[in-house]
Each structure stands twice: as C-alpha cells, then as structure tokens.
C-alpha cells in the first residue's frame, strides 16, 4: 500500500503545481487585459505637462485604475479605487472603465458631477443594487477631472477621493463628496462639482 500512496501523493502534488501554474497564467493574462484598458503614460504626456503615476497593485490584477478620455471639447482624467482586492476588484475596475467610456463617448458637453451620477446609476443597475441587506455592496471611490480644451477651466467631482493641486509650490486639497459610486448605507444625493 505504501508505494501506491507515495505514487498517488506525487500525482496529486504534480496536479496541484499544474493547477497553481494555470491559475497564475490566467491571472497574468487578465492583468495584461486590465492594464491594456488603462492609458499609456505617453498619452498622458500629451495631456499633462507634469504628472506621475503611482500604480502598485498588491496582486497581479487590481481594483485600482487610472483613466483618460479626450475629444474636441474636453479631456477627462480619473483615478479610481474599487472595493475588493485581486479578481473582484479588477472586475469592478473594468466595469468602471467601461462605464466611463460609455458615458463620456456619448456626450458633447459634460459636467464632472454628472459623470459620477451617471456612473453610480450604471453600477447600481449592473450589480442589481437596491439597498437590500443581502446584495453586494461593491462600489468605486473615484476622483474625476474634466478640462475644457482650449481653456484653463478644470472641473472636479470626487466620490471619497480628493483632488490635490500643487501650484507654485503650494499644496491645495479639494474635498470629495463623502459618497461612493454604488449603493451606500445612507441616502444618495447628487455629486457636487468644483
């Protein structure tokens, strides 16, 4: 019986190693897809003079994302943090990026707070969030700026994410609304625009 047990243990060990390798390969591929949805820093250089990106995912895939969109009228820049780590957070980030694309590509004139309001509606609808205790409470915290092309006007709206501005060596913080994109335990109100 011992040789069979040893052989069986070796087979199970080899199978578990292969399973882990398959899962890691799948996660790496998902990470490549997620990263491909985020803007290339070269694109950002065409939009911003001075910037940096600090993107250090804890896992291969992440619930954090950054985003840009530009058309003739405006440029949008956003950074989001989704509930969950790893795969659940990454799925939420892909939802967030997809909804931002959908909202911004369908509008000619836009307000930052309206983007967040529309995004919250879409997230709640996609996740079937009605306020029931049994449903998921997944959400996105995000800071979103819209710059009107050809001007120095910048709009900001934030869902639990502030805007930090450094001008002439001075740091200023613009406070976000204390709400999230998704269902929240308190009554939802429209996002404000700064």
N, C-alpha and C. Protein backbone atom coordinates (compact mmCIF):
# COMPACT_ATOMS: atom_id res chain seq x y z
N UNK A 1 0.82 -1.20 0.00
CA UNK A 1 0.00 0.00 0.00
C UNK A 1 0.86 1.26 0.00
N UNK A 2 2.03 1.21 0.59
CA UNK A 2 2.90 2.38 0.66
C UNK A 2 3.31 2.89 -0.72
N UNK A 3 3.73 2.01 -1.67
CA UNK A 3 4.12 2.53 -2.99
C UNK A 3 2.96 3.25 -3.69
N UNK A 4 1.76 2.71 -3.53
CA UNK A 4 0.60 3.35 -4.14
C UNK A 4 0.38 4.73 -3.53
N UNK A 5 0.49 4.83 -2.22
CA UNK A 5 0.30 6.11 -1.53
C UNK A 5 1.35 7.12 -1.95
N UNK A 6 2.59 6.67 -2.06
CA UNK A 6 3.67 7.57 -2.49
C UNK A 6 3.42 8.04 -3.92
N UNK A 7 3.05 7.11 -4.78
CA UNK A 7 2.78 7.46 -6.19
C UNK A 7 1.58 8.40 -6.28
N UNK A 8 0.55 8.10 -5.52
CA UNK A 8 -0.65 8.94 -5.53
C UNK A 8 -0.33 10.35 -5.01
N UNK A 9 0.47 10.43 -3.96
CA UNK A 9 0.87 11.73 -3.41
C UNK A 9 1.65 12.53 -4.44
N UNK A 10 2.54 11.87 -5.16
CA UNK A 10 3.32 12.56 -6.19
C UNK A 10 2.42 13.06 -7.32
N UNK A 11 1.43 12.23 -7.70
CA UNK A 11 0.49 12.65 -8.74
C UNK A 11 -0.33 13.87 -8.30
N UNK A 12 -0.81 13.82 -7.06
CA UNK A 12 -1.60 14.93 -6.53
C UNK A 12 -0.75 16.20 -6.42
N UNK A 13 0.50 16.03 -6.01
CA UNK A 13 1.40 17.18 -5.91
C UNK A 13 1.63 17.79 -7.30
N UNK A 14 1.89 16.96 -8.29
CA UNK A 14 2.10 17.45 -9.67
C UNK A 14 0.85 18.15 -10.19
N UNK A 15 -0.31 17.57 -9.88
CA UNK A 15 -1.58 18.17 -10.31
C UNK A 15 -1.79 19.53 -9.64
N UNK A 16 -1.47 19.62 -8.35
CA UNK A 16 -1.65 20.90 -7.65
C UNK A 16 -0.68 21.95 -8.19
N UNK A 17 0.54 21.57 -8.50
CA UNK A 17 1.51 22.51 -9.09
C UNK A 17 0.99 23.00 -10.43
N UNK A 18 0.48 22.10 -11.26
CA UNK A 18 -0.05 22.48 -12.57
C UNK A 18 -1.26 23.40 -12.43
N UNK A 19 -2.12 23.11 -11.45
CA UNK A 19 -3.31 23.94 -11.22
C UNK A 19 -2.90 25.36 -10.82
N UNK A 20 -1.94 25.47 -9.92
CA UNK A 20 -1.45 26.79 -9.50
C UNK A 20 -0.83 27.53 -10.69
N UNK A 21 -0.03 26.83 -11.48
CA UNK A 21 0.59 27.47 -12.66
C UNK A 21 -0.47 27.93 -13.65
N UNK A 22 -1.52 27.13 -13.84
CA UNK A 22 -2.61 27.51 -14.75
C UNK A 22 -3.34 28.75 -14.23
N UNK A 23 -3.60 28.79 -12.92
CA UNK A 23 -4.28 29.95 -12.33
C UNK A 23 -3.42 31.21 -12.44
N UNK A 24 -2.12 31.07 -12.19
CA UNK A 24 -1.23 32.22 -12.30
C UNK A 24 -1.14 32.72 -13.74
N UNK A 25 -1.09 31.79 -14.69
CA UNK A 25 -1.07 32.19 -16.11
C UNK A 25 -2.35 32.93 -16.47
N UNK A 26 -3.47 32.44 -15.96
CA UNK A 26 -4.76 33.09 -16.21
C UNK A 26 -4.79 34.49 -15.59
N UNK A 27 -4.30 34.63 -14.37
CA UNK A 27 -4.26 35.94 -13.71
C UNK A 27 -3.32 36.91 -14.43
N UNK A 28 -2.17 36.40 -14.89
CA UNK A 28 -1.25 37.27 -15.63
C UNK A 28 -1.90 37.77 -16.92
N UNK A 29 -2.62 36.89 -17.59
CA UNK A 29 -3.31 37.28 -18.83
C UNK A 29 -4.40 38.32 -18.52
N UNK A 30 -5.15 38.08 -17.44
CA UNK A 30 -6.18 39.05 -17.03
C UNK A 30 -5.53 40.39 -16.68
N UNK A 31 -4.36 40.35 -16.04
CA UNK A 31 -3.64 41.57 -15.72
C UNK A 31 -3.22 42.34 -16.97
N UNK A 32 -2.83 41.60 -18.01
CA UNK A 32 -2.47 42.25 -19.28
C UNK A 32 -3.69 42.94 -19.89
N UNK A 33 -4.85 42.28 -19.82
CA UNK A 33 -6.08 42.88 -20.35
C UNK A 33 -6.43 44.12 -19.56
N UNK A 34 -6.39 44.01 -18.23
CA UNK A 34 -6.72 45.16 -17.38
C UNK A 34 -5.77 46.32 -17.65
N UNK A 35 -4.49 46.03 -17.74
CA UNK A 35 -3.51 47.09 -17.98
C UNK A 35 -3.71 47.73 -19.36
N UNK A 36 -4.12 46.93 -20.34
CA UNK A 36 -4.36 47.46 -21.69
C UNK A 36 -5.52 48.45 -21.72
N UNK A 37 -6.46 48.32 -20.78
CA UNK A 37 -7.59 49.25 -20.72
C UNK A 37 -7.22 50.61 -20.14
N UNK A 38 -6.08 50.67 -19.46
CA UNK A 38 -5.64 51.93 -18.87
C UNK A 38 -4.74 52.68 -19.85
N UNK A 39 -4.72 54.01 -19.77
CA UNK A 39 -3.96 54.79 -20.76
C UNK A 39 -2.45 54.60 -20.64
N UNK A 40 -1.80 54.65 -21.76
CA UNK A 40 -0.35 54.62 -21.82
C UNK A 40 0.17 55.97 -21.31
N UNK A 41 1.21 55.97 -20.48
CA UNK A 41 1.76 57.24 -19.99
C UNK A 41 2.14 58.21 -21.12
N UNK A 42 2.46 57.70 -22.29
CA UNK A 42 2.78 58.57 -23.43
C UNK A 42 1.57 59.43 -23.79
N UNK A 43 0.37 58.85 -23.71
CA UNK A 43 -0.86 59.62 -23.98
C UNK A 43 -1.01 60.72 -22.93
N UNK A 44 -0.73 60.37 -21.68
CA UNK A 44 -0.84 61.37 -20.61
C UNK A 44 0.14 62.53 -20.81
N UNK A 45 1.32 62.23 -21.35
CA UNK A 45 2.30 63.30 -21.61
C UNK A 45 1.76 64.32 -22.61
N UNK A 46 0.89 63.88 -23.50
CA UNK A 46 0.28 64.80 -24.45
C UNK A 46 -0.80 65.66 -23.83
N UNK A 47 -1.27 65.27 -22.65
CA UNK A 47 -2.35 65.98 -21.97
C UNK A 47 -1.82 66.85 -20.83
N UNK A 48 -0.91 66.30 -20.06
CA UNK A 48 -0.40 66.98 -18.87
C UNK A 48 1.09 67.27 -19.00
N UNK A 49 1.51 68.41 -18.49
CA UNK A 49 2.93 68.75 -18.53
C UNK A 49 3.70 68.00 -17.45
N UNK A 50 3.16 68.01 -16.25
CA UNK A 50 3.88 67.49 -15.10
C UNK A 50 2.97 66.53 -14.34
N UNK A 51 3.31 65.26 -14.33
CA UNK A 51 2.47 64.27 -13.65
C UNK A 51 3.31 63.06 -13.27
N UNK A 52 2.75 62.23 -12.43
CA UNK A 52 3.34 60.93 -12.14
C UNK A 52 2.20 59.96 -11.91
N UNK A 53 2.50 58.69 -12.10
CA UNK A 53 1.53 57.63 -11.85
C UNK A 53 2.14 56.70 -10.81
N UNK A 54 1.45 56.50 -9.72
CA UNK A 54 1.87 55.54 -8.71
C UNK A 54 0.84 54.42 -8.75
N UNK A 55 1.16 53.36 -9.45
CA UNK A 55 0.25 52.23 -9.61
C UNK A 55 0.99 50.98 -9.16
N UNK A 56 0.75 50.56 -7.93
CA UNK A 56 1.44 49.43 -7.33
C UNK A 56 0.42 48.39 -6.86
N UNK A 57 -0.12 47.61 -7.79
CA UNK A 57 -1.13 46.64 -7.39
C UNK A 57 -0.57 45.61 -6.41
N UNK A 58 -1.35 45.29 -5.40
CA UNK A 58 -0.95 44.29 -4.41
C UNK A 58 -0.92 42.90 -5.03
N UNK A 59 -1.86 42.66 -5.93
CA UNK A 59 -1.96 41.37 -6.60
C UNK A 59 -1.68 41.57 -8.09
N UNK A 60 -1.75 40.50 -8.85
CA UNK A 60 -1.50 40.57 -10.29
C UNK A 60 -2.53 41.45 -10.97
N UNK A 61 -3.77 41.35 -10.54
CA UNK A 61 -4.83 42.24 -11.01
C UNK A 61 -5.27 43.09 -9.82
N UNK A 62 -5.90 44.22 -10.12
CA UNK A 62 -6.12 45.20 -9.06
C UNK A 62 -7.48 45.88 -9.18
N UNK A 63 -7.94 46.42 -8.07
CA UNK A 63 -9.16 47.22 -8.06
C UNK A 63 -8.88 48.70 -8.29
N UNK A 64 -7.62 49.06 -8.45
CA UNK A 64 -7.26 50.45 -8.73
C UNK A 64 -7.15 50.65 -10.23
N UNK A 65 -7.51 51.85 -10.69
CA UNK A 65 -7.34 52.15 -12.10
C UNK A 65 -7.16 53.64 -12.31
N UNK A 66 -6.56 53.99 -13.43
CA UNK A 66 -6.49 55.38 -13.85
C UNK A 66 -7.03 55.43 -15.27
N UNK A 67 -7.48 56.62 -15.67
CA UNK A 67 -8.27 56.71 -16.89
C UNK A 67 -8.11 58.08 -17.54
N UNK A 68 -8.10 58.11 -18.86
CA UNK A 68 -8.18 59.38 -19.59
C UNK A 68 -9.09 59.20 -20.80
N UNK A 69 -9.71 60.29 -21.16
CA UNK A 69 -10.53 60.35 -22.38
C UNK A 69 -10.43 61.77 -22.90
N UNK A 70 -10.32 61.90 -24.21
CA UNK A 70 -10.22 63.24 -24.79
C UNK A 70 -10.97 63.29 -26.11
N UNK A 71 -11.69 64.39 -26.32
CA UNK A 71 -12.31 64.66 -27.61
C UNK A 71 -12.08 66.14 -27.93
N UNK A 72 -12.78 66.69 -28.89
CA UNK A 72 -12.54 68.09 -29.27
C UNK A 72 -12.96 69.08 -28.19
N UNK A 73 -13.95 68.72 -27.39
CA UNK A 73 -14.47 69.66 -26.39
C UNK A 73 -13.77 69.58 -25.04
N UNK A 74 -13.41 68.39 -24.60
CA UNK A 74 -12.89 68.26 -23.24
C UNK A 74 -11.95 67.07 -23.12
N UNK A 75 -11.21 67.07 -22.01
CA UNK A 75 -10.35 65.95 -21.63
C UNK A 75 -10.74 65.54 -20.22
N UNK A 76 -10.87 64.25 -20.00
CA UNK A 76 -11.22 63.71 -18.68
C UNK A 76 -10.05 62.90 -18.15
N UNK A 77 -9.74 63.10 -16.88
CA UNK A 77 -8.72 62.32 -16.19
C UNK A 77 -9.33 61.84 -14.89
N UNK A 78 -9.15 60.55 -14.59
CA UNK A 78 -9.75 60.00 -13.37
C UNK A 78 -8.83 58.95 -12.76
N UNK A 79 -8.98 58.76 -11.46
CA UNK A 79 -8.30 57.69 -10.73
C UNK A 79 -9.34 57.05 -9.82
N UNK A 80 -9.45 55.72 -9.89
CA UNK A 80 -10.46 55.02 -9.12
C UNK A 80 -9.90 53.93 -8.24
N UNK A 81 -10.63 53.62 -7.19
CA UNK A 81 -10.29 52.57 -6.23
C UNK A 81 -11.56 51.78 -5.97
N UNK A 82 -11.57 50.53 -6.42
CA UNK A 82 -12.77 49.69 -6.31
C UNK A 82 -12.71 48.83 -5.06
N UNK A 83 -13.89 48.46 -4.56
CA UNK A 83 -13.93 47.55 -3.42
C UNK A 83 -13.35 46.21 -3.85
N UNK A 84 -12.72 45.56 -2.92
CA UNK A 84 -12.15 44.25 -3.19
C UNK A 84 -10.72 44.35 -3.70
N UNK A 85 -9.98 43.29 -3.48
CA UNK A 85 -8.62 43.18 -3.99
C UNK A 85 -8.62 42.07 -5.03
N UNK A 86 -7.58 42.00 -5.81
CA UNK A 86 -7.43 40.91 -6.76
C UNK A 86 -8.54 40.87 -7.79
N UNK A 87 -9.04 39.68 -8.04
CA UNK A 87 -10.02 39.47 -9.12
C UNK A 87 -11.31 40.27 -8.91
N UNK A 88 -11.94 40.26 -7.73
CA UNK A 88 -13.17 41.05 -7.58
C UNK A 88 -12.94 42.54 -7.83
N UNK A 89 -11.86 43.09 -7.31
CA UNK A 89 -11.55 44.50 -7.54
C UNK A 89 -11.28 44.78 -9.01
N UNK A 90 -10.59 43.86 -9.67
CA UNK A 90 -10.29 44.03 -11.10
C UNK A 90 -11.56 44.02 -11.93
N UNK A 91 -12.50 43.15 -11.59
CA UNK A 91 -13.77 43.13 -12.32
C UNK A 91 -14.51 44.46 -12.14
N UNK A 92 -14.49 44.99 -10.92
CA UNK A 92 -15.12 46.29 -10.68
C UNK A 92 -14.41 47.40 -11.47
N UNK A 93 -13.08 47.33 -11.54
CA UNK A 93 -12.35 48.38 -12.28
C UNK A 93 -12.68 48.32 -13.77
N UNK A 94 -12.85 47.14 -14.31
CA UNK A 94 -13.22 47.01 -15.72
C UNK A 94 -14.62 47.56 -15.95
N UNK A 95 -15.53 47.30 -15.00
CA UNK A 95 -16.86 47.92 -15.08
C UNK A 95 -16.75 49.44 -15.07
N UNK A 96 -15.94 49.97 -14.16
CA UNK A 96 -15.77 51.42 -14.05
C UNK A 96 -15.22 52.03 -15.32
N UNK A 97 -14.18 51.44 -15.87
CA UNK A 97 -13.58 51.94 -17.12
C UNK A 97 -14.59 51.87 -18.25
N UNK A 98 -15.31 50.76 -18.35
CA UNK A 98 -16.31 50.60 -19.42
C UNK A 98 -17.41 51.65 -19.31
N UNK A 99 -17.90 51.88 -18.09
CA UNK A 99 -18.97 52.86 -17.91
C UNK A 99 -18.47 54.28 -18.17
N UNK A 100 -17.24 54.59 -17.78
CA UNK A 100 -16.69 55.91 -18.10
C UNK A 100 -16.62 56.11 -19.61
N UNK A 101 -16.14 55.10 -20.32
CA UNK A 101 -16.10 55.19 -21.79
C UNK A 101 -17.49 55.42 -22.37
N UNK A 102 -18.44 54.64 -21.90
CA UNK A 102 -19.82 54.75 -22.41
C UNK A 102 -20.39 56.15 -22.16
N UNK A 103 -20.22 56.65 -20.96
CA UNK A 103 -20.77 57.96 -20.59
C UNK A 103 -20.09 59.08 -21.37
N UNK A 104 -18.77 59.08 -21.39
CA UNK A 104 -18.04 60.19 -22.00
C UNK A 104 -18.11 60.20 -23.52
N UNK A 105 -18.19 59.03 -24.14
CA UNK A 105 -18.27 58.98 -25.60
C UNK A 105 -19.64 59.40 -26.11
N UNK A 106 -20.63 59.39 -25.24
CA UNK A 106 -21.99 59.73 -25.69
C UNK A 106 -22.34 61.20 -25.46
N UNK A 107 -21.43 61.98 -24.90
CA UNK A 107 -21.74 63.37 -24.54
C UNK A 107 -20.80 64.34 -25.26
N UNK A 108 -21.34 65.48 -25.64
CA UNK A 108 -20.53 66.55 -26.22
C UNK A 108 -20.14 67.58 -25.16
N UNK A 109 -21.09 67.91 -24.31
CA UNK A 109 -20.86 68.87 -23.23
C UNK A 109 -21.05 68.10 -21.93
N UNK A 110 -20.14 68.23 -21.02
CA UNK A 110 -20.16 67.34 -19.87
C UNK A 110 -19.82 68.10 -18.59
N UNK A 111 -20.36 67.63 -17.48
CA UNK A 111 -20.04 68.14 -16.15
C UNK A 111 -19.50 66.96 -15.34
N UNK A 112 -18.45 67.20 -14.57
CA UNK A 112 -17.80 66.13 -13.81
C UNK A 112 -18.77 65.43 -12.86
N UNK A 113 -19.60 66.21 -12.16
CA UNK A 113 -20.53 65.59 -11.21
C UNK A 113 -21.57 64.73 -11.92
N UNK A 114 -21.99 65.14 -13.12
CA UNK A 114 -22.97 64.34 -13.86
C UNK A 114 -22.38 63.00 -14.30
N UNK A 115 -21.09 63.00 -14.61
CA UNK A 115 -20.43 61.73 -14.97
C UNK A 115 -20.52 60.77 -13.78
N UNK A 116 -20.22 61.27 -12.58
CA UNK A 116 -20.28 60.40 -11.39
C UNK A 116 -21.71 59.97 -11.09
N UNK A 117 -22.68 60.86 -11.25
CA UNK A 117 -24.08 60.48 -11.03
C UNK A 117 -24.50 59.39 -12.01
N UNK A 118 -24.16 59.56 -13.30
CA UNK A 118 -24.49 58.55 -14.31
C UNK A 118 -23.78 57.23 -14.02
N UNK A 119 -22.53 57.33 -13.60
CA UNK A 119 -21.75 56.13 -13.30
C UNK A 119 -22.36 55.36 -12.13
N UNK A 120 -22.80 56.09 -11.10
CA UNK A 120 -23.42 55.43 -9.95
C UNK A 120 -24.68 54.69 -10.38
N UNK A 121 -25.51 55.32 -11.21
CA UNK A 121 -26.72 54.64 -11.71
C UNK A 121 -26.37 53.36 -12.45
N UNK A 122 -25.35 53.43 -13.30
CA UNK A 122 -24.96 52.26 -14.09
C UNK A 122 -24.41 51.13 -13.21
N UNK A 123 -23.59 51.48 -12.23
CA UNK A 123 -23.04 50.46 -11.31
C UNK A 123 -24.17 49.80 -10.53
N UNK A 124 -25.08 50.62 -9.98
CA UNK A 124 -26.18 50.07 -9.19
C UNK A 124 -27.06 49.16 -10.05
N UNK A 125 -27.30 49.56 -11.29
CA UNK A 125 -28.12 48.74 -12.19
C UNK A 125 -27.39 47.45 -12.55
N UNK A 126 -26.11 47.54 -12.90
CA UNK A 126 -25.34 46.35 -13.30
C UNK A 126 -25.22 45.34 -12.17
N UNK A 127 -25.09 45.82 -10.93
CA UNK A 127 -24.92 44.93 -9.78
C UNK A 127 -26.24 44.64 -9.07
N UNK A 128 -27.35 45.11 -9.65
CA UNK A 128 -28.69 44.90 -9.09
C UNK A 128 -28.77 45.38 -7.64
N UNK A 129 -28.20 46.56 -7.38
CA UNK A 129 -28.19 47.13 -6.04
C UNK A 129 -29.46 47.95 -5.81
N UNK A 130 -30.21 47.54 -4.80
CA UNK A 130 -31.45 48.25 -4.45
C UNK A 130 -31.44 48.72 -3.00
N UNK A 131 -30.47 48.30 -2.23
CA UNK A 131 -30.41 48.65 -0.81
C UNK A 131 -30.73 47.48 0.09
N UNK A 132 -31.02 46.33 -0.48
CA UNK A 132 -31.32 45.14 0.30
C UNK A 132 -30.06 44.69 1.06
N UNK A 133 -30.25 44.15 2.25
CA UNK A 133 -29.12 43.71 3.07
C UNK A 133 -28.37 42.53 2.46
N UNK A 134 -29.04 41.74 1.63
CA UNK A 134 -28.44 40.53 1.07
C UNK A 134 -27.56 40.79 -0.15
N UNK A 135 -27.68 41.94 -0.77
CA UNK A 135 -26.97 42.18 -2.03
C UNK A 135 -25.55 42.68 -1.80
N UNK A 136 -24.77 42.68 -2.87
CA UNK A 136 -23.39 43.14 -2.77
C UNK A 136 -23.35 44.65 -2.52
N UNK A 137 -22.36 45.06 -1.80
CA UNK A 137 -22.16 46.49 -1.52
C UNK A 137 -20.93 47.01 -2.28
N UNK A 138 -20.60 46.35 -3.38
CA UNK A 138 -19.43 46.75 -4.16
C UNK A 138 -19.60 48.16 -4.70
N UNK A 139 -18.48 48.88 -4.77
CA UNK A 139 -18.55 50.28 -5.19
C UNK A 139 -17.19 50.75 -5.67
N UNK A 140 -17.16 51.99 -6.14
CA UNK A 140 -15.92 52.61 -6.62
C UNK A 140 -15.79 53.98 -5.97
N UNK A 141 -14.62 54.25 -5.41
CA UNK A 141 -14.26 55.60 -4.98
C UNK A 141 -13.42 56.18 -6.11
N UNK A 142 -13.71 57.42 -6.50
CA UNK A 142 -13.05 57.97 -7.69
C UNK A 142 -12.93 59.48 -7.60
N UNK A 143 -11.85 59.99 -8.12
CA UNK A 143 -11.67 61.42 -8.34
C UNK A 143 -11.65 61.63 -9.85
N UNK A 144 -12.42 62.61 -10.33
CA UNK A 144 -12.56 62.81 -11.77
C UNK A 144 -12.45 64.29 -12.10
N UNK A 145 -11.59 64.60 -13.06
CA UNK A 145 -11.41 65.98 -13.52
C UNK A 145 -11.76 66.07 -14.99
N UNK A 146 -12.38 67.17 -15.35
CA UNK A 146 -12.66 67.47 -16.75
C UNK A 146 -12.06 68.83 -17.06
N UNK A 147 -11.25 68.85 -18.10
CA UNK A 147 -10.60 70.08 -18.54
C UNK A 147 -11.21 70.47 -19.88
N UNK A 148 -11.74 71.68 -19.94
CA UNK A 148 -12.29 72.17 -21.20
C UNK A 148 -11.13 72.53 -22.12
N UNK A 149 -11.07 71.88 -23.28
CA UNK A 149 -9.96 72.10 -24.20
C UNK A 149 -9.90 73.56 -24.64
N UNK A 150 -8.70 74.10 -24.71
CA UNK A 150 -8.51 75.49 -25.12
C UNK A 150 -8.76 76.49 -24.01
N UNK A 151 -8.93 76.00 -22.78
CA UNK A 151 -9.14 76.92 -21.65
C UNK A 151 -8.38 76.40 -20.44
N UNK A 152 -8.43 77.16 -19.38
CA UNK A 152 -7.79 76.73 -18.13
C UNK A 152 -8.84 76.28 -17.11
N UNK A 153 -10.06 76.08 -17.58
CA UNK A 153 -11.15 75.67 -16.69
C UNK A 153 -11.03 74.18 -16.40
N UNK A 154 -11.01 73.84 -15.11
CA UNK A 154 -10.95 72.46 -14.67
C UNK A 154 -12.13 72.20 -13.74
N UNK A 155 -12.90 71.17 -14.04
CA UNK A 155 -13.98 70.74 -13.15
C UNK A 155 -13.49 69.52 -12.39
N UNK A 156 -13.95 69.39 -11.15
CA UNK A 156 -13.60 68.22 -10.34
C UNK A 156 -14.84 67.74 -9.61
N UNK A 157 -15.00 66.43 -9.56
CA UNK A 157 -16.00 65.80 -8.71
C UNK A 157 -15.33 64.57 -8.11
N UNK A 158 -15.62 64.32 -6.85
CA UNK A 158 -14.98 63.19 -6.18
C UNK A 158 -15.95 62.38 -5.36
N UNK A 159 -15.77 61.07 -5.44
CA UNK A 159 -16.51 60.12 -4.62
C UNK A 159 -15.49 59.53 -3.64
N UNK A 160 -15.37 60.13 -2.48
CA UNK A 160 -14.42 59.72 -1.44
C UNK A 160 -12.96 59.85 -1.86
N UNK A 161 -12.67 60.56 -2.94
CA UNK A 161 -11.29 60.77 -3.40
C UNK A 161 -11.07 62.26 -3.64
N UNK A 162 -10.13 62.87 -2.90
CA UNK A 162 -9.89 64.31 -3.05
C UNK A 162 -9.07 64.61 -4.30
N UNK A 163 -9.03 65.88 -4.63
CA UNK A 163 -8.13 66.38 -5.67
C UNK A 163 -7.03 67.16 -4.96
N UNK A 164 -5.80 66.80 -5.26
CA UNK A 164 -4.65 67.51 -4.70
C UNK A 164 -4.03 68.33 -5.83
N UNK A 165 -3.88 69.63 -5.61
CA UNK A 165 -3.27 70.50 -6.61
C UNK A 165 -2.02 71.12 -6.00
N UNK A 166 -0.95 71.09 -6.78
CA UNK A 166 0.27 71.78 -6.37
C UNK A 166 0.52 72.88 -7.39
N UNK A 167 0.50 74.11 -6.91
CA UNK A 167 0.71 75.27 -7.78
C UNK A 167 1.69 76.21 -7.07
N UNK A 168 2.75 76.56 -7.77
CA UNK A 168 3.78 77.45 -7.21
C UNK A 168 4.30 76.94 -5.86
N UNK A 169 4.46 75.63 -5.76
CA UNK A 169 4.97 75.03 -4.54
C UNK A 169 3.96 74.92 -3.41
N UNK A 170 2.73 75.36 -3.63
CA UNK A 170 1.67 75.31 -2.62
C UNK A 170 0.75 74.13 -2.90
N UNK A 171 0.46 73.37 -1.86
CA UNK A 171 -0.43 72.22 -1.98
C UNK A 171 -1.84 72.61 -1.53
N UNK A 172 -2.82 72.30 -2.36
CA UNK A 172 -4.23 72.55 -2.02
C UNK A 172 -5.00 71.24 -2.15
N UNK A 173 -5.91 71.01 -1.22
CA UNK A 173 -6.75 69.82 -1.28
C UNK A 173 -8.20 70.24 -1.48
N UNK A 174 -8.83 69.66 -2.48
CA UNK A 174 -10.25 69.87 -2.73
C UNK A 174 -10.98 68.63 -2.22
N UNK A 175 -11.87 68.83 -1.29
CA UNK A 175 -12.55 67.72 -0.62
C UNK A 175 -13.57 67.05 -1.54
N UNK A 176 -13.66 65.73 -1.43
CA UNK A 176 -14.66 65.00 -2.22
C UNK A 176 -16.00 64.95 -1.50
N UNK A 177 -17.01 64.51 -2.21
CA UNK A 177 -18.27 64.16 -1.55
C UNK A 177 -18.03 62.86 -0.81
N UNK A 178 -18.61 62.73 0.36
CA UNK A 178 -18.45 61.52 1.18
C UNK A 178 -19.48 60.48 0.75
N UNK A 179 -19.38 60.09 -0.50
CA UNK A 179 -20.26 59.08 -1.09
C UNK A 179 -19.41 58.23 -2.01
N UNK A 180 -19.96 57.12 -2.39
CA UNK A 180 -19.26 56.21 -3.30
C UNK A 180 -20.08 56.02 -4.57
N UNK A 181 -19.47 55.41 -5.55
CA UNK A 181 -20.18 55.05 -6.78
C UNK A 181 -20.72 53.64 -6.56
N UNK A 182 -21.98 53.54 -6.30
CA UNK A 182 -22.63 52.28 -5.94
C UNK A 182 -23.57 52.56 -4.79
N UNK A 183 -24.17 51.52 -4.28
CA UNK A 183 -25.13 51.68 -3.19
C UNK A 183 -24.37 52.02 -1.91
N UNK A 184 -24.94 52.88 -1.11
CA UNK A 184 -24.33 53.27 0.16
C UNK A 184 -25.38 53.15 1.26
N UNK A 185 -24.95 52.96 2.52
CA UNK A 185 -25.92 52.79 3.59
C UNK A 185 -26.80 54.00 3.83
N UNK A 186 -26.33 55.19 3.48
CA UNK A 186 -27.15 56.39 3.68
C UNK A 186 -27.80 56.79 2.36
N UNK A 187 -28.73 57.70 2.44
CA UNK A 187 -29.43 58.16 1.24
C UNK A 187 -28.45 58.81 0.27
N UNK A 188 -28.58 58.46 -0.98
CA UNK A 188 -27.70 59.01 -2.01
C UNK A 188 -28.19 60.40 -2.40
N UNK A 189 -27.26 61.28 -2.65
CA UNK A 189 -27.59 62.61 -3.17
C UNK A 189 -26.70 62.86 -4.37
N UNK A 190 -27.02 63.83 -5.20
CA UNK A 190 -26.18 64.10 -6.36
C UNK A 190 -24.77 64.53 -5.95
N UNK A 191 -23.79 64.20 -6.78
CA UNK A 191 -22.42 64.63 -6.53
C UNK A 191 -22.30 66.12 -6.85
N UNK A 192 -21.38 66.78 -6.15
CA UNK A 192 -21.16 68.21 -6.40
C UNK A 192 -20.02 68.39 -7.40
N UNK A 193 -19.97 69.56 -7.98
CA UNK A 193 -18.99 69.91 -9.00
C UNK A 193 -18.17 71.09 -8.50
N UNK A 194 -16.86 70.98 -8.55
CA UNK A 194 -15.98 72.10 -8.18
C UNK A 194 -15.23 72.58 -9.40
